[in-house]
């Protein structure tokens, strides 16, 4: 502003100097005549005009400088206000991201372990575990609502039940046939339904999930009703319910419900009886290993109350909560009291993103910090899945090794038994004890 004022002053200086120098000249040339008076008036008017013009120029420059200063101050104030607003927005967004991260961490912390069995105890966060209703080894048939004959067949084939298997395997087969007809032959148009209805005096009081004990869908897709088939990733853990009884039935079917022939109490004291106990022990061990994947899958697809906090966190999510709530409404409405299965929890974590248009729209407009936080969460979750896959691969290797062992026994064991029988017929002796004639 000072520079402009100096420039304005310099601009009007020539006019002042001209006025000052012109007045003496006219005074010298003039006399006190009427023309001199007129010349003096003109000079005075010229000087006044120059002074007015100088004042106008100075005022204009002062106003311009003042306007520039006000504009500069306004821009500076606007910049400061913008920076303050941006700082407040950044702080608010950071607080929101921290809150979202805390919710996600709570989900991770409360998510149940997604692996099964002792070997996978480290595959998930604290607070979970396998479902406590897995049937098979240690199954509780007494708490079931299935027919008595079917429970009897299950107990006879269960090595942990206090029941001796019958010496005649046909007894177990009859118990299984009668019990299955009574409990699950509800479809009169199926082959088994027709045959069961031809048995004289047999009363059929079937489970609503007819033929659930002979359908693989009962294990992998949940118990199914004819005409209303749908994928169910969660089966209730409540005992004495049609769903749980149906799941028990298929698990026992895959666990070899026909017991091996048993021995009497007197036979157990003989050497042959003890040898039978040894062979039965090996058989039960292999049978348990063979049925372990089935029992594990039941545990993974059974409702677990310890998933309730994690599911609540998913439902409360402001972006994907509505999608999760809609899914649970049709999939498993009792989640608030029973929880969901670990498999369904994994499904929700994936589908609430890739199968949810709301999430895609939200992430397309999200800022960089939110996207980075989401990516970190997904990468951490992916690490858990990769570890679980590694655990499953190791478990499969164990099963494959046992299959190889069984095949080896089937091929090599008969020859070993034959050679052992032949060797035991000849008295034991060393080569140096043979007759001398043969040594020559």
Protein backbone atom coordinates (compact mmCIF):
# COMPACT_ATOMS: atom_id res chain seq x y z
CA UNK A 1 0.00 0.00 0.00
CA UNK A 2 2.90 2.34 0.80
CA UNK A 3 4.32 1.80 -2.69
CA UNK A 4 1.02 2.72 -4.32
CA UNK A 5 0.69 5.89 -2.18
CA UNK A 6 4.23 6.99 -3.11
CA UNK A 7 3.45 6.31 -6.76
CA UNK A 8 0.29 8.38 -6.57
CA UNK A 9 2.14 11.24 -4.90
CA UNK A 10 4.81 11.20 -7.60
CA UNK A 11 2.11 11.18 -10.26
CA UNK A 12 0.55 14.45 -9.06
CA UNK A 13 3.86 16.21 -8.33
CA UNK A 14 4.36 17.54 -11.92
CA UNK A 15 1.01 19.24 -11.80
CA UNK A 16 1.88 21.04 -8.57
CA UNK A 17 5.28 22.08 -9.90
CA UNK A 18 3.75 23.36 -13.13
CA UNK A 19 1.23 25.36 -11.20
CA UNK A 20 3.85 26.83 -8.91
CA UNK A 21 6.20 27.75 -11.75
CA UNK A 22 3.47 29.16 -13.96
CA UNK A 23 2.17 31.66 -11.40
CA UNK A 24 5.32 33.83 -11.13
CA UNK A 25 5.65 33.89 -14.87
CA UNK A 26 2.19 35.29 -15.29
CA UNK A 27 2.77 37.70 -12.40
CA UNK A 28 5.87 39.06 -14.16
CA UNK A 29 4.13 39.52 -17.48
CA UNK A 30 0.91 40.95 -16.05
CA UNK A 31 -0.07 44.23 -14.65
CA UNK A 32 -3.01 44.97 -12.46
CA UNK A 33 -5.33 45.02 -15.40
CA UNK A 34 -8.49 43.16 -16.04
CA UNK A 35 -6.60 40.63 -18.19
CA UNK A 36 -4.12 40.00 -15.36
CA UNK A 37 -6.89 39.37 -12.94
CA UNK A 38 -8.43 36.92 -15.41
CA UNK A 39 -5.05 35.14 -15.80
CA UNK A 40 -4.61 34.94 -12.05
CA UNK A 41 -8.07 33.44 -11.68
CA UNK A 42 -7.31 30.89 -14.39
CA UNK A 43 -4.05 29.97 -12.70
CA UNK A 44 -5.77 29.64 -9.35
CA UNK A 45 -8.47 27.48 -10.88
CA UNK A 46 -5.82 25.31 -12.54
CA UNK A 47 -3.98 24.90 -9.25
CA UNK A 48 -7.20 24.01 -7.42
CA UNK A 49 -8.08 21.54 -10.17
CA UNK A 50 -4.67 19.91 -9.90
CA UNK A 51 -5.01 19.70 -6.12
CA UNK A 52 -8.47 18.15 -6.42
CA UNK A 53 -7.17 15.64 -8.96
CA UNK A 54 -4.28 14.80 -6.63
CA UNK A 55 -6.72 14.26 -3.72
CA UNK A 56 -8.87 12.07 -5.95
CA UNK A 57 -5.87 10.00 -7.05
CA UNK A 58 -4.66 9.63 -3.47
CA UNK A 59 -8.14 8.61 -2.25
CA UNK A 60 -8.50 6.12 -5.11
CA UNK A 61 -5.13 4.54 -4.35
CA UNK A 62 -5.89 4.43 -0.62
CA UNK A 63 -9.24 2.71 -1.32
CA UNK A 64 -7.58 0.25 -3.67
CA UNK A 65 -4.88 -0.55 -1.12
CA UNK A 66 -7.50 -0.96 1.60
CA UNK A 67 -9.52 -3.28 -0.63
CA UNK A 68 -6.41 -5.37 -1.36
CA UNK A 69 -5.61 -5.61 2.34
CA UNK A 70 -9.19 -6.65 3.19
CA UNK A 71 -9.20 -9.27 0.42
CA UNK A 72 -5.82 -10.62 1.58
CA UNK A 73 -7.04 -10.83 5.16
CA UNK A 74 -10.25 -12.53 3.97
CA UNK A 75 -8.31 -15.14 2.00
CA UNK A 76 -6.00 -15.77 4.93
CA UNK A 77 -8.96 -16.13 7.30
CA UNK A 78 -10.73 -18.46 4.85
CA UNK A 79 -7.59 -20.58 4.55
CA UNK A 80 -7.28 -20.82 8.32
CA UNK A 81 -10.97 -21.71 8.64
CA UNK A 82 -10.61 -24.32 5.90
CA UNK A 83 -7.62 -25.86 7.61
CA UNK A 84 -9.48 -25.92 10.91
CA UNK A 85 -12.51 -27.52 9.27
CA UNK A 86 -10.30 -30.07 7.54
CA UNK A 87 -8.55 -30.84 10.81
CA UNK A 88 -11.91 -31.32 12.55
CA UNK A 89 -13.11 -33.56 9.70
CA UNK A 90 -9.91 -35.61 9.81
CA UNK A 91 -10.18 -35.99 13.58
CA UNK A 92 -13.83 -37.05 13.31
CA UNK A 93 -13.05 -39.54 10.54
CA UNK A 94 -10.19 -40.92 12.58
CA UNK A 95 -12.48 -41.39 15.57
CA UNK A 96 -15.01 -43.19 13.35
CA UNK A 97 -12.29 -45.45 11.96
CA UNK A 98 -11.09 -46.24 15.46
CA UNK A 99 -14.64 -47.13 16.47
CA UNK A 100 -15.05 -49.35 13.39
CA UNK A 101 -11.70 -51.01 14.06
CA UNK A 102 -12.70 -51.67 17.66
CA UNK A 103 -15.92 -53.31 16.48
CA UNK A 104 -14.05 -55.48 14.01
CA UNK A 105 -11.52 -56.46 16.63
CA UNK A 106 -14.41 -57.40 18.92
CA UNK A 107 -15.80 -59.60 16.14
CA UNK A 108 -12.42 -61.25 15.68
CA UNK A 109 -11.97 -61.70 19.41
CA UNK A 110 -15.37 -63.26 19.94
CA UNK A 111 -15.48 -65.35 16.77
CA UNK A 112 -15.43 -69.01 17.75
CA UNK A 113 -12.67 -71.29 16.63
CA UNK A 114 -13.50 -72.50 13.18
CA UNK A 115 -11.45 -75.66 13.32
CA UNK A 116 -12.46 -78.91 14.88
CA UNK A 117 -10.82 -81.23 17.31
CA UNK A 118 -7.77 -80.94 19.49
CA UNK A 119 -5.37 -80.55 16.58
CA UNK A 120 -6.97 -77.30 15.52
CA UNK A 121 -7.30 -75.65 18.90
CA UNK A 122 -5.22 -72.71 17.75
CA UNK A 123 -7.07 -72.00 14.51
CA UNK A 124 -9.35 -69.30 15.88
CA UNK A 125 -9.56 -66.57 18.47
CA UNK A 126 -10.27 -67.04 22.12
CA UNK A 127 -13.83 -67.74 23.11
CA UNK A 128 -14.87 -70.51 20.75
CA UNK A 129 -14.58 -74.18 20.24
CA UNK A 130 -16.27 -77.02 18.54
CA UNK A 131 -19.94 -77.64 19.07
CA UNK A 132 -20.63 -79.67 22.14
CA UNK A 133 -23.28 -81.88 20.53
CA UNK A 134 -21.13 -83.80 18.08
CA UNK A 135 -22.36 -87.37 17.95
CA UNK A 136 -20.30 -90.50 17.48
CA UNK A 137 -17.63 -91.32 20.01
CA UNK A 138 -19.36 -90.67 23.31
CA UNK A 139 -22.79 -90.07 21.75
CA UNK A 140 -25.75 -89.75 24.10
CA UNK A 141 -28.50 -91.83 22.60
CA UNK A 142 -30.42 -91.81 25.89
CA UNK A 143 -31.26 -88.14 25.38
CA UNK A 144 -32.69 -88.74 21.92
CA UNK A 145 -36.34 -89.02 20.92
CA UNK A 146 -35.65 -91.69 18.29
CA UNK A 147 -37.22 -95.18 18.64
CA UNK A 148 -35.82 -97.54 21.25
CA UNK A 149 -34.78 -100.17 18.72
CA UNK A 150 -32.74 -97.59 16.82
CA UNK A 151 -31.08 -96.37 20.02
CA UNK A 152 -30.27 -99.98 20.85
CA UNK A 153 -28.55 -100.47 17.50
CA UNK A 154 -26.54 -97.29 17.99
CA UNK A 155 -25.42 -98.31 21.48
CA UNK A 156 -24.37 -101.77 20.30
CA UNK A 157 -22.03 -100.25 17.75
CA UNK A 158 -20.69 -97.55 20.09
CA UNK A 159 -17.42 -98.67 21.72
CA UNK A 160 -17.95 -96.16 24.53
CA UNK A 161 -21.45 -97.35 25.45
CA UNK A 162 -21.82 -99.85 28.33
CA UNK A 163 -23.44 -102.38 25.98
CA UNK A 164 -21.86 -105.58 24.65
CA UNK A 165 -22.41 -106.25 20.95
CA UNK A 166 -24.47 -109.38 20.24
CA UNK A 167 -22.66 -112.50 19.12
CA UNK A 168 -24.93 -112.69 16.09
CA UNK A 169 -24.52 -109.64 13.80
CA UNK A 170 -28.03 -110.19 12.44
CA UNK A 171 -29.43 -108.98 15.77
CA UNK A 172 -27.85 -105.55 15.19
CA UNK A 173 -29.14 -105.53 11.63
CA UNK A 174 -32.69 -106.28 12.75
CA UNK A 175 -32.59 -103.59 15.43
CA UNK A 176 -31.29 -101.08 12.90
CA UNK A 177 -33.89 -102.05 10.30
CA UNK A 178 -36.85 -101.88 12.67
CA UNK A 179 -35.69 -98.67 14.35
CA UNK A 180 -34.99 -96.92 11.03
CA UNK A 181 -38.44 -97.87 9.70
CA UNK A 182 -40.13 -96.58 12.83
CA UNK A 183 -38.16 -93.36 13.01
CA UNK A 184 -37.44 -92.21 9.46
CA UNK A 185 -39.55 -94.13 6.88
CA UNK A 186 -42.03 -91.29 6.62
CA UNK A 187 -42.15 -91.18 2.83
CA UNK A 188 -44.54 -93.92 1.65
CA UNK A 189 -43.41 -93.42 -1.94
CA UNK A 190 -39.75 -94.25 -1.30
CA UNK A 191 -38.37 -97.79 -1.65
CA UNK A 192 -37.70 -98.12 2.06
CA UNK A 193 -41.05 -96.57 2.90
CA UNK A 194 -42.82 -99.20 0.83
CA UNK A 195 -40.86 -102.07 2.35
CA UNK A 196 -41.28 -100.85 5.92
CA UNK A 197 -45.05 -100.67 5.44
CA UNK A 198 -45.07 -104.32 4.44
CA UNK A 199 -43.70 -105.42 7.84
CA UNK A 200 -46.55 -106.80 9.91
CA UNK A 201 -47.25 -105.03 13.19
CA UNK A 202 -44.69 -102.27 12.59
CA UNK A 203 -45.85 -98.83 13.74
CA UNK A 204 -44.21 -95.95 11.89
CA UNK A 205 -43.91 -92.64 13.74
CA UNK A 206 -41.46 -90.93 11.44
CA UNK A 207 -39.31 -87.89 11.95
CA UNK A 208 -40.58 -84.90 9.87
CA UNK A 209 -37.34 -85.15 7.90
CA UNK A 210 -38.17 -88.44 6.22
CA UNK A 211 -35.22 -90.56 5.08
CA UNK A 212 -32.82 -88.13 6.75
CA UNK A 213 -30.79 -91.10 8.01
CA UNK A 214 -29.90 -92.19 4.47
CA UNK A 215 -29.40 -88.83 2.74
CA UNK A 216 -26.01 -87.14 2.52
CA UNK A 217 -27.81 -83.78 2.37
CA UNK A 218 -28.67 -84.21 6.06
CA UNK A 219 -24.98 -83.82 6.84
CA UNK A 220 -23.85 -81.28 4.26
CA UNK A 221 -26.98 -79.16 3.66
CA UNK A 222 -28.86 -79.68 6.92
CA UNK A 223 -31.98 -81.84 7.40
CA UNK A 224 -34.28 -81.47 4.39
CA UNK A 225 -38.03 -81.85 3.97
CA UNK A 226 -39.29 -83.12 0.65
CA UNK A 227 -40.49 -80.21 -1.47
CA UNK A 228 -38.84 -77.62 0.78
CA UNK A 229 -35.16 -78.25 0.19
CA UNK A 230 -32.78 -75.42 1.06
CA UNK A 231 -29.20 -75.00 2.19
CA UNK A 232 -28.97 -74.76 5.98
CA UNK A 233 -25.55 -73.92 7.38
CA UNK A 234 -26.70 -74.11 11.01
CA UNK A 235 -28.41 -77.02 12.76
CA UNK A 236 -29.75 -76.60 16.27
CA UNK A 237 -27.82 -78.01 19.19
CA UNK A 238 -30.98 -78.65 21.22
CA UNK A 239 -31.53 -82.29 22.08
CA UNK A 240 -34.79 -84.14 21.37
CA UNK A 241 -35.61 -81.99 18.35
CA UNK A 242 -36.32 -83.34 14.85
CA UNK A 243 -33.30 -81.54 13.38
CA UNK A 244 -30.86 -82.87 15.97
CA UNK A 245 -32.29 -86.41 15.76
CA UNK A 246 -31.96 -86.36 11.97
CA UNK A 247 -28.35 -85.21 12.21
CA UNK A 248 -27.60 -87.90 14.82
CA UNK A 249 -29.05 -90.56 12.56
CA UNK A 250 -26.88 -89.76 9.55
CA UNK A 251 -23.74 -89.47 11.69
CA UNK A 252 -24.37 -92.89 13.22
CA UNK A 253 -25.00 -94.33 9.78
CA UNK A 254 -21.61 -93.08 8.63
CA UNK A 255 -20.02 -94.43 11.82
CA UNK A 256 -20.88 -98.06 10.95
CA UNK A 257 -24.10 -98.79 12.88
CA UNK A 258 -23.72 -102.57 12.39
CA UNK A 259 -21.60 -103.76 15.27
CA UNK A 260 -19.01 -106.51 14.80
CA UNK A 261 -19.98 -109.88 16.32
CA UNK A 262 -19.48 -110.01 20.05
CA UNK A 263 -18.35 -112.80 22.38
CA UNK A 264 -19.84 -114.24 25.51
CA UNK A 265 -18.51 -113.66 29.02
CA UNK A 266 -17.10 -117.19 29.21
CA UNK A 267 -15.36 -116.84 25.85
CA UNK A 268 -13.63 -113.67 26.96
CA UNK A 269 -11.51 -115.69 29.43
CA UNK A 270 -10.02 -117.87 26.71
CA UNK A 271 -6.91 -117.05 24.72
CA UNK A 272 -9.08 -116.71 21.63
CA UNK A 273 -11.36 -114.30 23.49
CA UNK A 274 -8.44 -112.12 24.53
CA UNK A 275 -7.17 -112.17 20.95
CA UNK A 276 -10.65 -111.04 19.82
CA UNK A 277 -10.50 -108.12 22.27
CA UNK A 278 -7.15 -107.08 20.79
CA UNK A 279 -8.49 -107.24 17.23
CA UNK A 280 -11.64 -105.33 18.27
CA UNK A 281 -9.49 -102.64 19.86
CA UNK A 282 -7.63 -102.05 16.59
CA UNK A 283 -10.92 -102.08 14.68
CA UNK A 284 -12.48 -99.47 16.96
CA UNK A 285 -9.46 -97.19 16.60
CA UNK A 286 -9.64 -97.26 12.82
CA UNK A 287 -13.42 -96.87 12.90
CA UNK A 288 -13.11 -93.76 15.06
CA UNK A 289 -10.54 -92.26 12.71
CA UNK A 290 -12.71 -92.98 9.68
CA UNK A 291 -15.74 -91.23 11.22
CA UNK A 292 -13.79 -88.22 12.56
CA UNK A 293 -14.38 -85.96 9.51
CA UNK A 294 -18.11 -86.62 9.77
CA UNK A 295 -18.19 -85.64 13.43
CA UNK A 296 -16.06 -82.60 12.73
CA UNK A 297 -18.45 -81.39 10.04
CA UNK A 298 -21.36 -81.79 12.43
CA UNK A 299 -19.52 -79.64 14.97
CA UNK A 300 -18.78 -76.95 12.39
CA UNK A 301 -22.41 -76.74 11.28
CA UNK A 302 -24.04 -76.84 14.73
CA UNK A 303 -25.27 -73.68 16.47
CA UNK A 304 -22.79 -72.43 19.06
CA UNK A 305 -23.92 -69.88 21.70
CA UNK A 306 -20.40 -68.48 21.85
CA UNK A 307 -20.92 -66.95 18.39
CA UNK A 308 -23.68 -64.64 19.67
CA UNK A 309 -21.41 -61.61 20.45
CA UNK A 310 -19.77 -61.85 17.03
CA UNK A 311 -23.12 -62.08 15.23
CA UNK A 312 -24.46 -59.10 17.20
CA UNK A 313 -21.46 -57.06 16.10
CA UNK A 314 -22.17 -57.98 12.48
CA UNK A 315 -25.84 -57.02 12.81
CA UNK A 316 -24.92 -53.65 14.38
CA UNK A 317 -22.55 -52.70 11.55
CA UNK A 318 -23.90 -49.46 9.98
CA UNK A 319 -22.99 -50.49 6.44
CA UNK A 320 -23.58 -54.26 6.25
CA UNK A 321 -25.80 -54.87 9.28
CA UNK A 322 -29.06 -54.86 7.33
CA UNK A 323 -27.75 -57.48 4.90
CA UNK A 324 -26.71 -59.74 7.78
CA UNK A 325 -30.03 -59.27 9.59
CA UNK A 326 -32.02 -60.15 6.46
CA UNK A 327 -29.96 -63.29 5.93
CA UNK A 328 -30.37 -64.46 9.51
CA UNK A 329 -34.12 -63.83 9.41
CA UNK A 330 -34.51 -66.52 6.75
CA UNK A 331 -31.52 -68.70 7.59
CA UNK A 332 -31.60 -69.09 11.38
CA UNK A 333 -34.04 -66.81 13.26
CA UNK A 334 -33.03 -68.23 16.67
CA UNK A 335 -29.49 -66.88 16.40
CA UNK A 336 -29.98 -64.38 19.26
CA UNK A 337 -30.49 -67.22 21.79
CA UNK A 338 -28.60 -70.12 20.20
CA UNK A 339 -25.96 -68.44 18.04
CA UNK A 340 -25.02 -69.73 14.61
CA UNK A 341 -22.57 -72.33 13.40
CA UNK A 342 -18.91 -71.44 12.80
CA UNK A 343 -19.45 -72.19 9.10
CA UNK A 344 -22.35 -69.72 8.89
CA UNK A 345 -20.28 -67.09 10.68
CA UNK A 346 -17.55 -67.52 8.07
CA UNK A 347 -20.19 -67.30 5.34
CA UNK A 348 -21.53 -64.02 6.76
CA UNK A 349 -18.05 -62.47 6.97
CA UNK A 350 -17.55 -63.17 3.25
CA UNK A 351 -21.04 -62.57 1.85
CA UNK A 352 -21.69 -59.31 3.70
CA UNK A 353 -19.00 -57.90 1.41
CA UNK A 354 -18.87 -59.77 -1.89
CA UNK A 355 -22.60 -60.55 -1.95
CA UNK A 356 -23.79 -57.20 -0.62
CA UNK A 357 -24.35 -54.29 -3.09
CA UNK A 358 -24.49 -51.81 -0.17
CA UNK A 359 -20.92 -52.67 0.81
CA UNK A 360 -19.69 -52.26 -2.78
CA UNK A 361 -21.35 -48.85 -3.12
CA UNK A 362 -19.99 -47.74 0.25
CA UNK A 363 -16.44 -48.85 -0.48
CA UNK A 364 -16.47 -47.20 -3.92
CA UNK A 365 -16.99 -43.86 -2.17
CA UNK A 366 -14.86 -44.55 0.90
CA UNK A 367 -11.71 -42.55 1.53
CA UNK A 368 -8.21 -44.02 1.54
CA UNK A 369 -7.91 -44.56 5.34
CA UNK A 370 -11.17 -46.56 5.47
CA UNK A 371 -10.17 -48.70 2.49
CA UNK A 372 -6.77 -49.36 4.02
CA UNK A 373 -8.37 -50.39 7.32
CA UNK A 374 -10.74 -52.75 5.50
CA UNK A 375 -7.87 -54.26 3.53
CA UNK A 376 -5.85 -54.87 6.70
CA UNK A 377 -8.81 -56.60 8.32
CA UNK A 378 -9.40 -58.81 5.27
CA UNK A 379 -5.71 -59.71 5.03
CA UNK A 380 -5.66 -60.69 8.70
CA UNK A 381 -8.78 -62.81 8.22
CA UNK A 382 -7.22 -64.41 5.16
CA UNK A 383 -4.22 -65.45 7.24
CA UNK A 384 -6.56 -67.30 9.60
CA UNK A 385 -8.22 -69.12 6.70
CA UNK A 386 -4.84 -70.08 5.26
CA UNK A 387 -3.78 -71.54 8.59
CA UNK A 388 -7.01 -73.50 8.82
CA UNK A 389 -6.46 -74.85 5.31
CA UNK A 390 -2.98 -75.93 6.37
CA UNK A 391 -4.45 -77.72 9.39
CA UNK A 392 -7.03 -79.46 7.22
CA UNK A 393 -4.33 -80.53 4.78
CA UNK A 394 -2.34 -82.07 7.61
CA UNK A 395 -5.41 -83.88 8.88
CA UNK A 396 -6.10 -85.23 5.41
CA UNK A 397 -2.52 -86.44 5.21
CA UNK A 398 -3.10 -88.40 8.41
CA UNK A 399 -6.22 -89.99 6.94
CA UNK A 400 -4.43 -90.82 3.68
CA UNK A 401 -1.59 -92.39 5.66
CA UNK A 402 -4.06 -94.59 7.52
CA UNK A 403 -5.71 -95.63 4.25
CA UNK A 404 -2.29 -96.65 2.96
CA UNK A 405 -1.73 -98.61 6.16
CA UNK A 406 -5.01 -100.50 5.68
CA UNK A 407 -4.17 -101.30 2.07
CA UNK A 408 -0.76 -102.57 3.15
CA UNK A 409 -2.38 -104.83 5.73
CA UNK A 410 -4.79 -106.22 3.15
CA UNK A 411 -1.97 -107.09 0.74
CA UNK A 412 0.95 -108.00 3.01
CA UNK A 413 -0.77 -109.30 6.13
CA UNK A 414 -2.08 -112.57 4.61
CA UNK A 415 1.42 -113.55 3.47
CA UNK A 416 2.86 -112.73 6.88
CA UNK A 417 0.20 -114.83 8.59
CA UNK A 418 0.85 -117.76 6.22
CA UNK A 419 4.63 -117.62 6.69
CA UNK A 420 4.22 -117.28 10.47
CA UNK A 421 1.95 -120.34 10.57
CA UNK A 422 4.44 -122.39 8.56
CA UNK A 423 7.37 -121.27 10.67
CA UNK A 424 5.60 -122.09 13.92
CA UNK A 425 5.06 -125.71 12.82
CA UNK A 426 8.85 -126.34 12.71
CA UNK A 427 10.85 -126.35 16.00
CA UNK A 428 13.05 -123.31 16.32
CA UNK A 429 16.75 -123.94 15.53
CA UNK A 430 19.76 -122.16 14.09
CA UNK A 431 21.52 -123.05 10.82
CA UNK A 432 24.60 -124.41 12.68
CA UNK A 433 22.35 -126.95 14.41
CA UNK A 434 21.28 -128.64 11.20
CA UNK A 435 22.48 -132.23 10.45
CA UNK A 436 26.04 -132.45 9.15
CA UNK A 437 24.98 -134.40 6.07
CA UNK A 438 22.89 -131.47 4.95
CA UNK A 439 25.70 -129.03 5.74
CA UNK A 440 27.94 -131.03 3.31
